[in-house]
All heavy atoms as atom14 arrays in JSON, in Angstrom:
{
  "sequence": "NVRTRFRPHFFPFTEPSAEVDVSCPFCGGSGCRICKQSGWIEMGGSGM",
  "atom14_mask": [
    [1, 1, 1, 1, 1, 1, 1, 1, 0, 0, 0, 0, 0, 0],
    [1, 1, 1, 1, 1, 1, 1, 0, 0, 0, 0, 0, 0, 0],
    [1, 1, 1, 1, 1, 1, 1, 1, 1, 1, 1, 0, 0, 0],
    [1, 1, 1, 1, 1, 1, 1, 0, 0, 0, 0, 0, 0, 0],
    [1, 1, 1, 1, 1, 1, 1, 1, 1, 1, 1, 0, 0, 0],
    [1, 1, 1, 1, 1, 1, 1, 1, 1, 1, 1, 0, 0, 0],
    [1, 1, 1, 1, 1, 1, 1, 1, 1, 1, 1, 0, 0, 0],
    [1, 1, 1, 1, 1, 1, 1, 0, 0, 0, 0, 0, 0, 0],
    [1, 1, 1, 1, 1, 1, 1, 1, 1, 1, 0, 0, 0, 0],
    [1, 1, 1, 1, 1, 1, 1, 1, 1, 1, 1, 0, 0, 0],
    [1, 1, 1, 1, 1, 1, 1, 1, 1, 1, 1, 0, 0, 0],
    [1, 1, 1, 1, 1, 1, 1, 0, 0, 0, 0, 0, 0, 0],
    [1, 1, 1, 1, 1, 1, 1, 1, 1, 1, 1, 0, 0, 0],
    [1, 1, 1, 1, 1, 1, 1, 0, 0, 0, 0, 0, 0, 0],
    [1, 1, 1, 1, 1, 1, 1, 1, 1, 0, 0, 0, 0, 0],
    [1, 1, 1, 1, 1, 1, 1, 0, 0, 0, 0, 0, 0, 0],
    [1, 1, 1, 1, 1, 1, 0, 0, 0, 0, 0, 0, 0, 0],
    [1, 1, 1, 1, 1, 0, 0, 0, 0, 0, 0, 0, 0, 0],
    [1, 1, 1, 1, 1, 1, 1, 1, 1, 0, 0, 0, 0, 0],
    [1, 1, 1, 1, 1, 1, 1, 0, 0, 0, 0, 0, 0, 0],
    [1, 1, 1, 1, 1, 1, 1, 1, 0, 0, 0, 0, 0, 0],
    [1, 1, 1, 1, 1, 1, 1, 0, 0, 0, 0, 0, 0, 0],
    [1, 1, 1, 1, 1, 1, 0, 0, 0, 0, 0, 0, 0, 0],
    [1, 1, 1, 1, 1, 1, 0, 0, 0, 0, 0, 0, 0, 0],
    [1, 1, 1, 1, 1, 1, 1, 0, 0, 0, 0, 0, 0, 0],
    [1, 1, 1, 1, 1, 1, 1, 1, 1, 1, 1, 0, 0, 0],
    [1, 1, 1, 1, 1, 1, 0, 0, 0, 0, 0, 0, 0, 0],
    [1, 1, 1, 1, 0, 0, 0, 0, 0, 0, 0, 0, 0, 0],
    [1, 1, 1, 1, 0, 0, 0, 0, 0, 0, 0, 0, 0, 0],
    [1, 1, 1, 1, 1, 1, 0, 0, 0, 0, 0, 0, 0, 0],
    [1, 1, 1, 1, 0, 0, 0, 0, 0, 0, 0, 0, 0, 0],
    [1, 1, 1, 1, 1, 1, 0, 0, 0, 0, 0, 0, 0, 0],
    [1, 1, 1, 1, 1, 1, 1, 1, 1, 1, 1, 0, 0, 0],
    [1, 1, 1, 1, 1, 1, 1, 1, 0, 0, 0, 0, 0, 0],
    [1, 1, 1, 1, 1, 1, 0, 0, 0, 0, 0, 0, 0, 0],
    [1, 1, 1, 1, 1, 1, 1, 1, 1, 0, 0, 0, 0, 0],
    [1, 1, 1, 1, 1, 1, 1, 1, 1, 0, 0, 0, 0, 0],
    [1, 1, 1, 1, 1, 1, 0, 0, 0, 0, 0, 0, 0, 0],
    [1, 1, 1, 1, 0, 0, 0, 0, 0, 0, 0, 0, 0, 0],
    [1, 1, 1, 1, 1, 1, 1, 1, 1, 1, 1, 1, 1, 1],
    [1, 1, 1, 1, 1, 1, 1, 1, 0, 0, 0, 0, 0, 0],
    [1, 1, 1, 1, 1, 1, 1, 1, 1, 0, 0, 0, 0, 0],
    [1, 1, 1, 1, 1, 1, 1, 1, 0, 0, 0, 0, 0, 0],
    [1, 1, 1, 1, 0, 0, 0, 0, 0, 0, 0, 0, 0, 0],
    [1, 1, 1, 1, 0, 0, 0, 0, 0, 0, 0, 0, 0, 0],
    [1, 1, 1, 1, 1, 1, 0, 0, 0, 0, 0, 0, 0, 0],
    [1, 1, 1, 1, 0, 0, 0, 0, 0, 0, 0, 0, 0, 0],
    [1, 1, 1, 1, 1, 1, 1, 1, 0, 0, 0, 0, 0, 0]
  ],
  "atom14_positions": [
    [[-16.22, -58.63, 76.07], [-15.78, -59.94, 76.5], [-14.95, -59.91, 77.78], [-14.53, -60.96, 78.28], [-14.97, -60.62, 75.39], [-15.82, -60.93, 74.16], [-16.98, -61.31, 74.3], [-15.23, -60.76, 72.98], [0.0, 0.0, 0.0], [0.0, 0.0, 0.0], [0.0, 0.0, 0.0], [0.0, 0.0, 0.0], [0.0, 0.0, 0.0], [0.0, 0.0, 0.0]],
    [[-14.72, -58.72, 78.32], [-13.92, -58.6, 79.54], [-14.68, -59.19, 80.74], [-15.89, -59.01, 80.86], [-13.55, -57.13, 79.81], [-13.08, -56.93, 81.24], [-12.47, -56.68, 78.84], [0.0, 0.0, 0.0], [0.0, 0.0, 0.0], [0.0, 0.0, 0.0], [0.0, 0.0, 0.0], [0.0, 0.0, 0.0], [0.0, 0.0, 0.0], [0.0, 0.0, 0.0]],
    [[-13.96, -59.89, 81.6], [-14.52, -60.44, 82.82], [-13.86, -59.79, 84.03], [-12.77, -59.26, 83.93], [-14.31, -61.97, 82.89], [-15.1, -62.74, 81.8], [-14.63, -64.18, 81.7], [-13.31, -64.28, 81.14], [-12.27, -64.88, 81.72], [-12.44, -65.43, 82.93], [-11.11, -64.95, 81.13], [0.0, 0.0, 0.0], [0.0, 0.0, 0.0], [0.0, 0.0, 0.0]],
    [[-14.55, -59.82, 85.16], [-13.98, -59.28, 86.4], [-14.01, -60.35, 87.48], [-14.8, -61.3, 87.41], [-14.78, -58.05, 86.89], [-16.15, -58.43, 87.09], [-14.69, -56.9, 85.92], [0.0, 0.0, 0.0], [0.0, 0.0, 0.0], [0.0, 0.0, 0.0], [0.0, 0.0, 0.0], [0.0, 0.0, 0.0], [0.0, 0.0, 0.0], [0.0, 0.0, 0.0]],
    [[-13.14, -60.2, 88.45], [-13.19, -61.05, 89.62], [-12.87, -60.21, 90.84], [-12.12, -59.23, 90.75], [-12.21, -62.24, 89.52], [-10.74, -61.88, 89.63], [-9.86, -63.13, 89.59], [-8.45, -62.76, 89.79], [-7.43, -63.63, 89.74], [-7.67, -64.9, 89.47], [-6.21, -63.22, 89.95], [0.0, 0.0, 0.0], [0.0, 0.0, 0.0], [0.0, 0.0, 0.0]],
    [[-13.43, -60.59, 91.97], [-13.26, -59.85, 93.22], [-12.57, -60.75, 94.22], [-13.06, -61.83, 94.55], [-14.63, -59.4, 93.76], [-15.27, -58.32, 92.94], [-15.75, -58.56, 91.65], [-15.38, -57.02, 93.44], [-16.34, -57.59, 90.92], [-15.96, -56.02, 92.68], [-16.45, -56.29, 91.42], [0.0, 0.0, 0.0], [0.0, 0.0, 0.0], [0.0, 0.0, 0.0]],
    [[-11.4, -60.3, 94.72], [-10.65, -61.06, 95.71], [-10.77, -60.4, 97.07], [-10.63, -59.17, 97.19], [-9.16, -61.13, 95.29], [-8.92, -61.93, 94.02], [-7.43, -61.94, 93.64], [-6.96, -60.65, 93.16], [-6.22, -59.81, 93.83], [-5.84, -60.1, 95.08], [-5.82, -58.66, 93.29], [0.0, 0.0, 0.0], [0.0, 0.0, 0.0], [0.0, 0.0, 0.0]],
    [[-11.01, -61.16, 98.13], [-11.13, -60.59, 99.47], [-9.9, -59.77, 99.85], [-8.76, -60.16, 99.56], [-11.27, -61.81, 100.37], [-11.84, -62.86, 99.48], [-11.21, -62.62, 98.13], [0.0, 0.0, 0.0], [0.0, 0.0, 0.0], [0.0, 0.0, 0.0], [0.0, 0.0, 0.0], [0.0, 0.0, 0.0], [0.0, 0.0, 0.0], [0.0, 0.0, 0.0]],
    [[-10.13, -58.65, 100.48], [-9.03, -57.76, 100.87], [-9.47, -57.0, 102.11], [-10.57, -57.21, 102.65], [-8.7, -56.81, 99.73], [-7.33, -56.21, 99.82], [-6.19, -56.91, 99.58], [-6.94, -54.94, 100.12], [-5.14, -56.12, 99.72], [-5.55, -54.91, 100.06], [0.0, 0.0, 0.0], [0.0, 0.0, 0.0], [0.0, 0.0, 0.0], [0.0, 0.0, 0.0]],
    [[-8.62, -56.06, 102.56], [-8.98, -55.2, 103.71], [-8.71, -53.75, 103.36], [-7.63, -53.39, 102.9], [-8.17, -55.56, 104.95], [-8.32, -54.54, 106.06], [-9.49, -54.5, 106.82], [-7.33, -53.6, 106.3], [-9.64, -53.54, 107.83], [-7.49, -52.63, 107.29], [-8.65, -52.61, 108.05], [0.0, 0.0, 0.0], [0.0, 0.0, 0.0], [0.0, 0.0, 0.0]],
    [[-9.72, -52.91, 103.57], [-9.59, -51.46, 103.55], [-10.35, -50.93, 104.77], [-11.43, -51.44, 105.1], [-10.21, -50.86, 102.28], [-9.56, -51.35, 101.01], [-10.24, -52.22, 100.16], [-8.28, -50.94, 100.66], [-9.67, -52.68, 98.99], [-7.69, -51.39, 99.49], [-8.37, -52.26, 98.67], [0.0, 0.0, 0.0], [0.0, 0.0, 0.0], [0.0, 0.0, 0.0]],
    [[-9.81, -49.92, 105.46], [-10.47, -49.43, 106.68], [-11.89, -48.89, 106.45], [-12.72, -48.98, 107.35], [-9.53, -48.29, 107.14], [-8.21, -48.58, 106.5], [-8.54, -49.22, 105.2], [0.0, 0.0, 0.0], [0.0, 0.0, 0.0], [0.0, 0.0, 0.0], [0.0, 0.0, 0.0], [0.0, 0.0, 0.0], [0.0, 0.0, 0.0], [0.0, 0.0, 0.0]],
    [[-12.16, -48.38, 105.26], [-13.43, -47.68, 105.04], [-14.49, -48.55, 104.37], [-15.59, -48.09, 104.11], [-13.2, -46.42, 104.21], [-12.08, -46.55, 103.21], [-12.28, -47.1, 101.97], [-10.82, -46.09, 103.56], [-11.25, -47.23, 101.07], [-9.77, -46.22, 102.65], [-9.98, -46.79, 101.39], [0.0, 0.0, 0.0], [0.0, 0.0, 0.0], [0.0, 0.0, 0.0]],
    [[-14.19, -49.8, 104.04], [-15.19, -50.71, 103.47], [-15.15, -52.06, 104.19], [-14.1, -52.5, 104.66], [-14.93, -50.92, 101.96], [-13.58, -51.35, 101.75], [-15.22, -49.67, 101.17], [0.0, 0.0, 0.0], [0.0, 0.0, 0.0], [0.0, 0.0, 0.0], [0.0, 0.0, 0.0], [0.0, 0.0, 0.0], [0.0, 0.0, 0.0], [0.0, 0.0, 0.0]],
    [[-16.33, -52.68, 104.24], [-16.44, -54.01, 104.89], [-17.74, -54.68, 104.4], [-18.84, -54.17, 104.7], [-16.42, -53.89, 106.4], [-16.54, -55.2, 107.13], [-15.45, -56.21, 106.78], [-14.28, -55.76, 106.61], [-15.76, -57.39, 106.69], [0.0, 0.0, 0.0], [0.0, 0.0, 0.0], [0.0, 0.0, 0.0], [0.0, 0.0, 0.0], [0.0, 0.0, 0.0]],
    [[-17.66, -55.76, 103.64], [-16.44, -56.43, 103.17], [-15.72, -55.64, 102.1], [-16.31, -54.76, 101.46], [-16.96, -57.76, 102.63], [-18.34, -57.44, 102.16], [-18.88, -56.44, 103.14], [0.0, 0.0, 0.0], [0.0, 0.0, 0.0], [0.0, 0.0, 0.0], [0.0, 0.0, 0.0], [0.0, 0.0, 0.0], [0.0, 0.0, 0.0], [0.0, 0.0, 0.0]],
    [[-14.44, -55.95, 101.9], [-13.61, -55.26, 100.9], [-13.07, -56.26, 99.89], [-12.95, -57.46, 100.2], [-12.42, -54.55, 101.57], [-12.84, -53.63, 102.55], [0.0, 0.0, 0.0], [0.0, 0.0, 0.0], [0.0, 0.0, 0.0], [0.0, 0.0, 0.0], [0.0, 0.0, 0.0], [0.0, 0.0, 0.0], [0.0, 0.0, 0.0], [0.0, 0.0, 0.0]],
    [[-12.75, -55.79, 98.7], [-12.26, -56.67, 97.66], [-11.37, -55.92, 96.69], [-11.6, -54.73, 96.4], [-13.42, -57.31, 96.9], [0.0, 0.0, 0.0], [0.0, 0.0, 0.0], [0.0, 0.0, 0.0], [0.0, 0.0, 0.0], [0.0, 0.0, 0.0], [0.0, 0.0, 0.0], [0.0, 0.0, 0.0], [0.0, 0.0, 0.0], [0.0, 0.0, 0.0]],
    [[-10.34, -56.6, 96.21], [-9.55, -56.11, 95.08], [-10.25, -56.55, 93.79], [-10.78, -57.66, 93.71], [-8.14, -56.72, 95.11], [-7.26, -56.13, 96.2], [-6.61, -54.8, 95.8], [-6.99, -54.26, 94.74], [-5.75, -54.32, 96.55], [0.0, 0.0, 0.0], [0.0, 0.0, 0.0], [0.0, 0.0, 0.0], [0.0, 0.0, 0.0], [0.0, 0.0, 0.0]],
    [[-10.26, -55.68, 92.82], [-10.9, -55.97, 91.54], [-9.84, -56.27, 90.47], [-8.92, -55.47, 90.28], [-11.78, -54.79, 91.07], [-12.46, -55.12, 89.73], [-12.81, -54.44, 92.13], [0.0, 0.0, 0.0], [0.0, 0.0, 0.0], [0.0, 0.0, 0.0], [0.0, 0.0, 0.0], [0.0, 0.0, 0.0], [0.0, 0.0, 0.0], [0.0, 0.0, 0.0]],
    [[-9.98, -57.4, 89.82], [-9.13, -57.76, 88.69], [-9.98, -57.82, 87.44], [-11.19, -58.13, 87.49], [-8.48, -59.14, 88.89], [-7.58, -59.2, 90.11], [-7.1, -58.13, 90.52], [-7.4, -60.3, 90.65], [0.0, 0.0, 0.0], [0.0, 0.0, 0.0], [0.0, 0.0, 0.0], [0.0, 0.0, 0.0], [0.0, 0.0, 0.0], [0.0, 0.0, 0.0]],
    [[-9.37, -57.51, 86.29], [-10.06, -57.69, 85.01], [-9.26, -58.69, 84.18], [-8.04, -58.78, 84.29], [-10.2, -56.36, 84.23], [-11.03, -55.36, 85.0], [-8.83, -55.77, 83.89], [0.0, 0.0, 0.0], [0.0, 0.0, 0.0], [0.0, 0.0, 0.0], [0.0, 0.0, 0.0], [0.0, 0.0, 0.0], [0.0, 0.0, 0.0], [0.0, 0.0, 0.0]],
    [[-9.98, -59.46, 83.37], [-9.28, -60.38, 82.47], [-8.46, -59.57, 81.5], [-8.87, -58.51, 81.03], [-10.3, -61.24, 81.72], [-11.22, -60.44, 81.0], [0.0, 0.0, 0.0], [0.0, 0.0, 0.0], [0.0, 0.0, 0.0], [0.0, 0.0, 0.0], [0.0, 0.0, 0.0], [0.0, 0.0, 0.0], [0.0, 0.0, 0.0], [0.0, 0.0, 0.0]],
    [[-7.25, -60.04, 81.24], [-6.29, -59.28, 80.43], [-6.88, -58.94, 79.07], [-7.22, -59.85, 78.3], [-5.0, -60.08, 80.29], [-3.75, -59.24, 79.3], [0.0, 0.0, 0.0], [0.0, 0.0, 0.0], [0.0, 0.0, 0.0], [0.0, 0.0, 0.0], [0.0, 0.0, 0.0], [0.0, 0.0, 0.0], [0.0, 0.0, 0.0], [0.0, 0.0, 0.0]],
    [[-6.99, -57.66, 78.72], [-7.56, -57.3, 77.43], [-6.63, -57.6, 76.25], [-7.06, -57.55, 75.1], [-7.79, -55.78, 77.56], [-6.84, -55.32, 78.61], [-6.68, -56.48, 79.56], [0.0, 0.0, 0.0], [0.0, 0.0, 0.0], [0.0, 0.0, 0.0], [0.0, 0.0, 0.0], [0.0, 0.0, 0.0], [0.0, 0.0, 0.0], [0.0, 0.0, 0.0]],
    [[-5.38, -57.93, 76.54], [-4.42, -58.19, 75.47], [-4.44, -59.66, 75.02], [-4.24, -59.96, 73.85], [-3.01, -57.8, 75.91], [-2.87, -56.34, 76.22], [-2.96, -55.88, 77.52], [-2.68, -55.41, 75.21], [-2.84, -54.53, 77.81], [-2.58, -54.07, 75.48], [-2.65, -53.63, 76.79], [0.0, 0.0, 0.0], [0.0, 0.0, 0.0], [0.0, 0.0, 0.0]],
    [[-4.65, -60.56, 75.98], [-4.63, -61.99, 75.64], [-5.98, -62.65, 75.87], [-6.13, -63.86, 75.66], [-3.55, -62.72, 76.42], [-3.84, -62.75, 78.22], [0.0, 0.0, 0.0], [0.0, 0.0, 0.0], [0.0, 0.0, 0.0], [0.0, 0.0, 0.0], [0.0, 0.0, 0.0], [0.0, 0.0, 0.0], [0.0, 0.0, 0.0], [0.0, 0.0, 0.0]],
    [[-6.95, -61.89, 76.35], [-8.27, -62.46, 76.6], [-8.31, -63.39, 77.8], [-9.27, -64.17, 77.94], [0.0, 0.0, 0.0], [0.0, 0.0, 0.0], [0.0, 0.0, 0.0], [0.0, 0.0, 0.0], [0.0, 0.0, 0.0], [0.0, 0.0, 0.0], [0.0, 0.0, 0.0], [0.0, 0.0, 0.0], [0.0, 0.0, 0.0], [0.0, 0.0, 0.0]],
    [[-7.27, -63.32, 78.62], [-7.25, -64.16, 79.82], [-6.48, -65.45, 79.66], [-6.37, -66.23, 80.61], [0.0, 0.0, 0.0], [0.0, 0.0, 0.0], [0.0, 0.0, 0.0], [0.0, 0.0, 0.0], [0.0, 0.0, 0.0], [0.0, 0.0, 0.0], [0.0, 0.0, 0.0], [0.0, 0.0, 0.0], [0.0, 0.0, 0.0], [0.0, 0.0, 0.0]],
    [[-5.86, -65.66, 78.49], [-5.09, -66.89, 78.28], [-3.68, -66.83, 78.86], [-3.03, -67.88, 79.01], [-5.03, -67.22, 76.78], [-4.39, -66.17, 76.07], [0.0, 0.0, 0.0], [0.0, 0.0, 0.0], [0.0, 0.0, 0.0], [0.0, 0.0, 0.0], [0.0, 0.0, 0.0], [0.0, 0.0, 0.0], [0.0, 0.0, 0.0], [0.0, 0.0, 0.0]],
    [[-3.19, -65.65, 79.17], [-1.85, -65.49, 79.72], [-0.89, -64.9, 78.72], [-0.73, -65.4, 77.6], [0.0, 0.0, 0.0], [0.0, 0.0, 0.0], [0.0, 0.0, 0.0], [0.0, 0.0, 0.0], [0.0, 0.0, 0.0], [0.0, 0.0, 0.0], [0.0, 0.0, 0.0], [0.0, 0.0, 0.0], [0.0, 0.0, 0.0], [0.0, 0.0, 0.0]],
    [[-0.23, -63.79, 79.11], [0.75, -63.14, 78.22], [1.75, -62.37, 79.09], [1.69, -62.39, 80.32], [0.04, -62.2, 77.24], [-0.76, -60.76, 78.02], [0.0, 0.0, 0.0], [0.0, 0.0, 0.0], [0.0, 0.0, 0.0], [0.0, 0.0, 0.0], [0.0, 0.0, 0.0], [0.0, 0.0, 0.0], [0.0, 0.0, 0.0], [0.0, 0.0, 0.0]],
    [[2.66, -61.67, 78.41], [3.7, -60.91, 79.12], [3.07, -59.79, 79.97], [3.54, -59.5, 81.07], [4.66, -60.32, 78.1], [5.76, -59.44, 78.72], [6.66, -58.88, 77.64], [5.91, -58.1, 76.68], [5.59, -56.8, 76.88], [5.95, -56.2, 77.99], [4.93, -56.14, 75.96], [0.0, 0.0, 0.0], [0.0, 0.0, 0.0], [0.0, 0.0, 0.0]],
    [[2.04, -59.14, 79.46], [1.43, -58.01, 80.15], [0.83, -58.44, 81.5], [1.0, -57.77, 82.52], [0.33, -57.35, 79.29], [0.93, -56.91, 77.95], [-0.29, -56.18, 80.02], [2.01, -55.88, 78.03], [0.0, 0.0, 0.0], [0.0, 0.0, 0.0], [0.0, 0.0, 0.0], [0.0, 0.0, 0.0], [0.0, 0.0, 0.0], [0.0, 0.0, 0.0]],
    [[0.12, -59.58, 81.5], [-0.52, -60.04, 82.73], [0.32, -61.05, 83.5], [-0.15, -61.69, 84.43], [-1.88, -60.66, 82.4], [-1.83, -62.12, 81.34], [0.0, 0.0, 0.0], [0.0, 0.0, 0.0], [0.0, 0.0, 0.0], [0.0, 0.0, 0.0], [0.0, 0.0, 0.0], [0.0, 0.0, 0.0], [0.0, 0.0, 0.0], [0.0, 0.0, 0.0]],
    [[1.59, -61.18, 83.07], [2.54, -62.09, 83.71], [2.0, -63.53, 83.72], [2.13, -64.27, 84.69], [2.86, -61.64, 85.14], [3.48, -60.25, 85.2], [3.77, -59.81, 86.62], [4.38, -58.41, 86.65], [4.63, -57.94, 88.02], [0.0, 0.0, 0.0], [0.0, 0.0, 0.0], [0.0, 0.0, 0.0], [0.0, 0.0, 0.0], [0.0, 0.0, 0.0]],
    [[1.37, -63.89, 82.59], [0.86, -65.25, 82.37], [-0.29, -65.65, 83.28], [-0.71, -66.8, 83.28], [2.0, -66.29, 82.48], [3.22, -66.0, 81.62], [2.89, -65.88, 80.14], [2.05, -66.6, 79.64], [3.58, -64.97, 79.46], [0.0, 0.0, 0.0], [0.0, 0.0, 0.0], [0.0, 0.0, 0.0], [0.0, 0.0, 0.0], [0.0, 0.0, 0.0]],
    [[-0.81, -64.69, 84.05], [-1.9, -65.04, 84.99], [-3.28, -64.94, 84.34], [-4.25, -65.53, 84.82], [-1.85, -64.12, 86.2], [-2.2, -62.79, 85.84], [0.0, 0.0, 0.0], [0.0, 0.0, 0.0], [0.0, 0.0, 0.0], [0.0, 0.0, 0.0], [0.0, 0.0, 0.0], [0.0, 0.0, 0.0], [0.0, 0.0, 0.0], [0.0, 0.0, 0.0]],
    [[-3.38, -64.16, 83.28], [-4.67, -63.93, 82.65], [-5.49, -62.82, 83.28], [-6.56, -62.47, 82.79], [0.0, 0.0, 0.0], [0.0, 0.0, 0.0], [0.0, 0.0, 0.0], [0.0, 0.0, 0.0], [0.0, 0.0, 0.0], [0.0, 0.0, 0.0], [0.0, 0.0, 0.0], [0.0, 0.0, 0.0], [0.0, 0.0, 0.0], [0.0, 0.0, 0.0]],
    [[-4.99, -62.24, 84.39], [-5.71, -61.2, 85.12], [-4.8, -60.0, 85.39], [-3.59, -60.16, 85.57], [-6.25, -61.74, 86.44], [-7.25, -62.84, 86.28], [-7.01, -64.19, 86.27], [-8.66, -62.7, 86.07], [-8.16, -64.88, 86.08], [-9.2, -63.99, 85.97], [-9.51, -61.59, 85.97], [-10.55, -64.23, 85.77], [-10.86, -61.81, 85.79], [-11.39, -63.12, 85.68]],
    [[-5.42, -58.82, 85.5], [-4.69, -57.6, 85.82], [-5.42, -56.89, 86.96], [-6.63, -56.65, 86.89], [-4.61, -56.64, 84.61], [-3.79, -57.3, 83.51], [-3.98, -55.31, 85.02], [-3.69, -56.47, 82.26], [0.0, 0.0, 0.0], [0.0, 0.0, 0.0], [0.0, 0.0, 0.0], [0.0, 0.0, 0.0], [0.0, 0.0, 0.0], [0.0, 0.0, 0.0]],
    [[-4.67, -56.61, 88.03], [-5.27, -55.91, 89.18], [-5.54, -54.45, 88.83], [-4.67, -53.76, 88.31], [-4.3, -56.01, 90.36], [-4.79, -55.3, 91.62], [-3.75, -55.34, 92.74], [-3.04, -56.36, 92.87], [-3.65, -54.33, 93.43], [0.0, 0.0, 0.0], [0.0, 0.0, 0.0], [0.0, 0.0, 0.0], [0.0, 0.0, 0.0], [0.0, 0.0, 0.0]],
    [[-6.75, -53.97, 89.16], [-7.14, -52.62, 88.79], [-7.39, -51.69, 89.97], [-7.2, -50.48, 89.86], [-8.4, -52.67, 87.94], [-8.21, -53.36, 86.6], [-6.87, -52.65, 85.58], [-7.48, -50.98, 85.36], [0.0, 0.0, 0.0], [0.0, 0.0, 0.0], [0.0, 0.0, 0.0], [0.0, 0.0, 0.0], [0.0, 0.0, 0.0], [0.0, 0.0, 0.0]],
    [[-7.85, -52.19, 91.12], [-8.11, -51.29, 92.23], [-8.94, -51.96, 93.31], [-9.23, -53.16, 93.25], [0.0, 0.0, 0.0], [0.0, 0.0, 0.0], [0.0, 0.0, 0.0], [0.0, 0.0, 0.0], [0.0, 0.0, 0.0], [0.0, 0.0, 0.0], [0.0, 0.0, 0.0], [0.0, 0.0, 0.0], [0.0, 0.0, 0.0], [0.0, 0.0, 0.0]],
    [[-9.34, -51.15, 94.31], [-10.07, -51.69, 95.46], [-11.55, -51.34, 95.4], [-11.97, -50.44, 94.65], [0.0, 0.0, 0.0], [0.0, 0.0, 0.0], [0.0, 0.0, 0.0], [0.0, 0.0, 0.0], [0.0, 0.0, 0.0], [0.0, 0.0, 0.0], [0.0, 0.0, 0.0], [0.0, 0.0, 0.0], [0.0, 0.0, 0.0], [0.0, 0.0, 0.0]],
    [[-12.32, -52.05, 96.24], [-13.77, -51.8, 96.27], [-14.32, -52.42, 97.55], [-13.61, -53.11, 98.29], [-14.45, -52.45, 95.06], [-14.35, -53.86, 95.11], [0.0, 0.0, 0.0], [0.0, 0.0, 0.0], [0.0, 0.0, 0.0], [0.0, 0.0, 0.0], [0.0, 0.0, 0.0], [0.0, 0.0, 0.0], [0.0, 0.0, 0.0], [0.0, 0.0, 0.0]],
    [[-15.59, -52.18, 97.81], [-16.24, -52.8, 98.95], [-17.48, -52.04, 99.39], [-17.81, -50.96, 98.87], [0.0, 0.0, 0.0], [0.0, 0.0, 0.0], [0.0, 0.0, 0.0], [0.0, 0.0, 0.0], [0.0, 0.0, 0.0], [0.0, 0.0, 0.0], [0.0, 0.0, 0.0], [0.0, 0.0, 0.0], [0.0, 0.0, 0.0], [0.0, 0.0, 0.0]],
    [[-18.18, -52.62, 100.36], [-19.35, -51.97, 100.95], [-18.9, -50.95, 101.99], [-17.99, -51.23, 102.79], [-20.25, -53.01, 101.59], [-20.77, -54.07, 100.63], [-21.75, -53.38, 99.27], [-23.2, -52.79, 100.16], [0.0, 0.0, 0.0], [0.0, 0.0, 0.0], [0.0, 0.0, 0.0], [0.0, 0.0, 0.0], [0.0, 0.0, 0.0], [0.0, 0.0, 0.0]]
  ]
}
């Protein structure tokens, strides 16, 4: 049931670049202390 989202970002070695977030596995994306009520947790970078 985990979801991902890609936010535009900049890295020298990829273009386009994106930060990857996953829906919080503790609250299912509804918001909790772990994800600071955002429903998402930043995991790392990516891009072409």
